[in-house]
Every structure is written in structure tokens, then in C-alpha cells.
C-alpha atoms as a PDB file:
ATOM      1  CA  MET A   1      65.918 -23.086 -12.939  1.00  0.00           C
ATOM      2  CA  THR A   2      63.038 -24.385 -10.833  1.00  0.00           C
ATOM      3  CA  THR A   3      59.498 -23.585 -11.854  1.00  0.00           C
ATOM      4  CA  LYS A   4      56.833 -23.167  -9.231  1.00  0.00           C
ATOM      5  CA  THR A   5      53.639 -25.130  -9.767  1.00  0.00           C
ATOM      6  CA  ILE A   6      50.505 -23.028  -9.763  1.00  0.00           C
ATOM      7  CA  TYR A   7      47.567 -24.806  -8.187  1.00  0.00           C
ATOM      8  CA  GLN A   8      43.953 -24.067  -8.922  1.00  0.00           C
ATOM      9  CA  TYR A   9      42.515 -25.845  -5.877  1.00  0.00           C
ATOM     10  CA  LEU A  10      45.353 -25.805  -3.336  1.00  0.00           C
ATOM     11  CA  GLU A  11      46.711 -23.031  -1.184  1.00  0.00           C
ATOM     12  CA  GLN A  12      48.984 -22.461   1.757  1.00  0.00           C
ATOM     13  CA  ARG A  13      47.145 -21.520   4.934  1.00  0.00           C
ATOM     14  CA  HIS A  14      49.021 -18.707   6.649  1.00  0.00           C
ATOM     15  CA  ASP A  15      46.911 -19.198   9.784  1.00  0.00           C
ATOM     16  CA  LYS A  16      48.407 -22.695  10.174  1.00  0.00           C
ATOM     17  CA  ARG A  17      51.940 -23.655  11.176  1.00  0.00           C
ATOM     18  CA  SER A  18      52.062 -26.143   8.335  1.00  0.00           C
ATOM     19  CA  GLN A  19      53.774 -25.540   5.005  1.00  0.00           C
ATOM     20  CA  GLU A  20      51.605 -28.278   3.499  1.00  0.00           C
ATOM     21  CA  LEU A  21      48.998 -27.128   1.026  1.00  0.00           C
ATOM     22  CA  PHE A  22      45.297 -27.264   1.869  1.00  0.00           C
ATOM     23  CA  VAL A  23      42.278 -27.510  -0.400  1.00  0.00           C
ATOM     24  CA  ARG A  24      41.400 -23.859  -1.081  1.00  0.00           C
ATOM     25  CA  GLY A  25      38.704 -22.464   1.221  1.00  0.00           C
ATOM     26  CA  THR A  26      38.731 -25.506   3.516  1.00  0.00           C
ATOM     27  CA  GLY A  27      40.723 -26.887   6.401  1.00  0.00           C
ATOM     28  CA  ILE A  28      41.457 -30.075   4.441  1.00  0.00           C
ATOM     29  CA  ARG A  29      45.149 -30.919   4.171  1.00  0.00           C
ATOM     30  CA  SER A  30      46.364 -32.479   0.956  1.00  0.00           C
ATOM     31  CA  SER A  31      47.706 -35.410   2.973  1.00  0.00           C
ATOM     32  CA  THR A  32      44.182 -36.007   4.285  1.00  0.00           C
ATOM     33  CA  ILE A  33      43.062 -36.533   0.690  1.00  0.00           C
ATOM     34  CA  TRP A  34      45.992 -38.931   0.212  1.00  0.00           C
ATOM     35  CA  HIS A  35      44.951 -40.804   3.362  1.00  0.00           C
ATOM     36  CA  ASP A  36      41.351 -41.044   2.136  1.00  0.00           C
ATOM     37  CA  ARG A  37      42.549 -42.462  -1.185  1.00  0.00           C
ATOM     38  CA  PHE A  38      45.280 -44.891  -0.191  1.00  0.00           C
ATOM     39  CA  VAL A  39      44.575 -45.817   3.436  1.00  0.00           C
ATOM     40  CA  SER A  40      40.772 -45.649   3.517  1.00  0.00           C
ATOM     41  CA  ARG A  41      40.685 -46.797  -0.125  1.00  0.00           C
ATOM     42  CA  LEU A  42      38.040 -44.323  -1.246  1.00  0.00           C
ATOM     43  CA  SER A  43      37.722 -43.471  -4.912  1.00  0.00           C
ATOM     44  CA  PRO A  44      38.411 -39.882  -5.988  1.00  0.00           C
ATOM     45  CA  ASP A  45      34.680 -39.476  -6.676  1.00  0.00           C
ATOM     46  CA  GLN A  46      33.828 -40.694  -3.151  1.00  0.00           C
ATOM     47  CA  ILE A  47      36.369 -38.344  -1.591  1.00  0.00           C
ATOM     48  CA  ALA A  48      35.001 -35.392  -3.565  1.00  0.00           C
ATOM     49  CA  ARG A  49      31.450 -36.251  -2.556  1.00  0.00           C
ATOM     50  CA  ASP A  50      32.266 -36.907   1.123  1.00  0.00           C
ATOM     51  CA  ARG A  51      34.387 -33.787   1.499  1.00  0.00           C
ATOM     52  CA  GLU A  52      32.202 -31.605  -0.741  1.00  0.00           C
ATOM     53  CA  ILE A  53      35.050 -30.557  -3.018  1.00  0.00           C
ATOM     54  CA  PRO A  54      35.515 -30.833  -6.793  1.00  0.00           C
ATOM     55  CA  VAL A  55      36.975 -34.121  -7.986  1.00  0.00           C
ATOM     56  CA  ALA A  56      39.643 -32.063  -9.782  1.00  0.00           C
ATOM     57  CA  ALA A  57      40.747 -30.808  -6.335  1.00  0.00           C
ATOM     58  CA  VAL A  58      41.167 -34.421  -5.222  1.00  0.00           C
ATOM     59  CA  TYR A  59      43.421 -35.202  -8.184  1.00  0.00           C
ATOM     60  CA  GLU A  60      45.392 -32.000  -7.674  1.00  0.00           C
ATOM     61  CA  ALA A  61      45.955 -32.814  -3.978  1.00  0.00           C
ATOM     62  CA  LEU A  62      47.082 -36.346  -4.844  1.00  0.00           C
ATOM     63  CA  ALA A  63      49.532 -35.027  -7.456  1.00  0.00           C
ATOM     64  CA  TYR A  64      50.885 -32.465  -4.981  1.00  0.00           C
ATOM     65  CA  CYS A  65      51.408 -35.183  -2.353  1.00  0.00           C
ATOM     66  CA  GLN A  66      53.291 -37.307  -4.857  1.00  0.00           C
ATOM     67  CA  GLU A  67      55.516 -34.363  -5.808  1.00  0.00           C
ATOM     68  CA  ASP A  68      56.217 -33.138  -2.256  1.00  0.00           C
ATOM     69  CA  TRP A  69      55.919 -36.337  -0.204  1.00  0.00           C
ATOM     70  CA  GLU A  70      59.328 -36.067   1.483  1.00  0.00           C
ATOM     71  CA  ASN A  71      58.589 -32.568   2.806  1.00  0.00           C
ATOM     72  CA  ILE A  72      55.111 -33.560   3.949  1.00  0.00           C
ATOM     73  CA  CYS A  73      56.513 -36.535   5.872  1.00  0.00           C
ATOM     74  CA  ARG A  74      59.331 -34.451   7.365  1.00  0.00           C
ATOM     75  CA  GLU A  75      56.831 -31.875   8.593  1.00  0.00           C
ATOM     76  CA  LYS A  76      54.552 -34.557  10.069  1.00  0.00           C
ATOM     77  CA  ASP A  77      57.537 -36.093  11.887  1.00  0.00           C
ATOM     78  CA  LEU A  78      58.408 -32.688  13.368  1.00  0.00           C
ATOM     79  CA  GLU A  79      54.795 -32.174  14.416  1.00  0.00           C
ATOM     80  CA  GLN A  80      54.745 -35.577  16.105  1.00  0.00           C
ATOM     81  CA  GLN A  81      57.985 -34.780  17.957  1.00  0.00           C
ATOM     82  CA  TYR A  82      56.563 -31.421  19.054  1.00  0.00           C
ATOM     83  CA  LEU A  83      53.428 -33.082  20.426  1.00  0.00           C
ATOM     84  CA  ALA A  84      55.395 -35.876  22.106  1.00  0.00           C
ATOM     85  CA  GLN A  85      57.636 -33.347  23.868  1.00  0.00           C
ATOM     86  CA  ARG A  86      54.518 -31.747  25.302  1.00  0.00           C
ATOM     87  CA  GLY A  87      53.132 -35.064  26.561  1.00  0.00           C
ATOM     88  CA  PHE A  88      50.309 -35.255  24.024  1.00  0.00           C
ATOM     89  CA  PHE A  89      50.710 -39.011  23.552  1.00  0.00           C
ATOM     90  CA  GLU A  90      51.114 -39.910  27.217  1.00  0.00           C
ATOM     91  CA  GLU A  91      48.307 -42.078  28.474  1.00  0.00           C
ATOM     92  CA  GLN A  92      46.114 -40.282  30.943  1.00  0.00           C
ATOM     93  CA  SER A  93      44.730 -42.537  33.637  1.00  0.00           C
ATOM     94  CA  PRO A  94      41.177 -41.686  34.685  1.00  0.00           C
ATOM     95  CA  ASP A  95      40.769 -40.211  38.149  1.00  0.00           C
ATOM     96  CA  CYS A  96      38.864 -42.862  40.064  1.00  0.00           C
ATOM     97  CA  SER A  97      38.832 -41.215  43.485  1.00  0.00           C
END
């Protein structure tokens, strides 16, 4: 039997195509918090201050990312493919006429 984790600070945004959880009441993806922590190397306190969220929300988002990392990455790969198919990453040359 699988138990579903109940989050205090995270929620699914039904107005977004993503299944990834967001910080409740914001447009901040959990993976953005992960990026701030491990790529930008910000402390949890800095992230909370910069993003104006409780530090407990930062820790909850990091724990969620650790638990669901494979699904988050799979969804990001699909999003990248979707954008690539629509030419989002093609270099646009400036019109110099």
C-alpha cells in the first residue's frame, strides 16, 4: 500500500500543464527551489528571503524533489521536446534589412 504525502507548503497547480508541485500560493516550482539550492548554491535561508516564502517551504520543496526527482526530470524532458518541436530553441537571426 502506497501512502500519499501531505504537504503543508506545496500544491499542484491545475492551471499549469505540469504535474510538478509548486510552492502554495506562488508560481514557484519545487525544482526552482532545488536549482536555487544546488546550482546557484544559495542557503535555504537565502532562498526563503529572496523568494519571500517560509524556510520550511524551502525544505519541503527540496524533500519533494528528492522523492520525485525521476518524474520531475521526465516531465522537463517532455517539455523540452515539446518546445523543440515548435522551434522554440531555433536561433532567430535579426532582420537587418
